[in-house]
């Protein structure tokens, strides 16, 4: 019996969820890193893949066989280099899981690493294009408070988190 390793499977466009469900139904250990986001369009998905079109499967190729992972529904196949499946170390998977967890705990990609005083740019609405200073994330909501320089004064404004982005 050979050891299990993590391998990367490439999905067809927008088929990550279906591929993940199929692999789990086959009783395989799958890691599909996703992030909760706040899309500008409320009808858009609130869950986005960290690596669009890629997910990880933990298995033994000797037991499962390459062909079982090469011809999957919703998949292009296993990522290979020079014709060999490329294993991903446990340390890399652990670090991805750690970073995804940190991103989610900080409020998602919009807030990751933002501190009071960091420069942001307003991306939507009447003030799109203006620069501001990040002040705080408003507790229990997907809104933020920023400080906008207007007429020589800093004005506090509350915006939806999807309306700002980190700026230089």
Foldseek 3Di string as FASTA:
>chain_A
DDAKFKFKWFFDAPCVVVQVVVCVVVVWDKAFAWWQDDDPDNVDDRIGTPDGRMIMTIGDCVVCPQVNQCDGPRTNGIDDDPPHTDTDHPVVVVVSVVVRVQQVVQPHPLRVPQDFQFKKAFCDDPRHGFIWTWHAQDPPAQKGWTWGQDPNGTDIDIDGSNRMHGDD
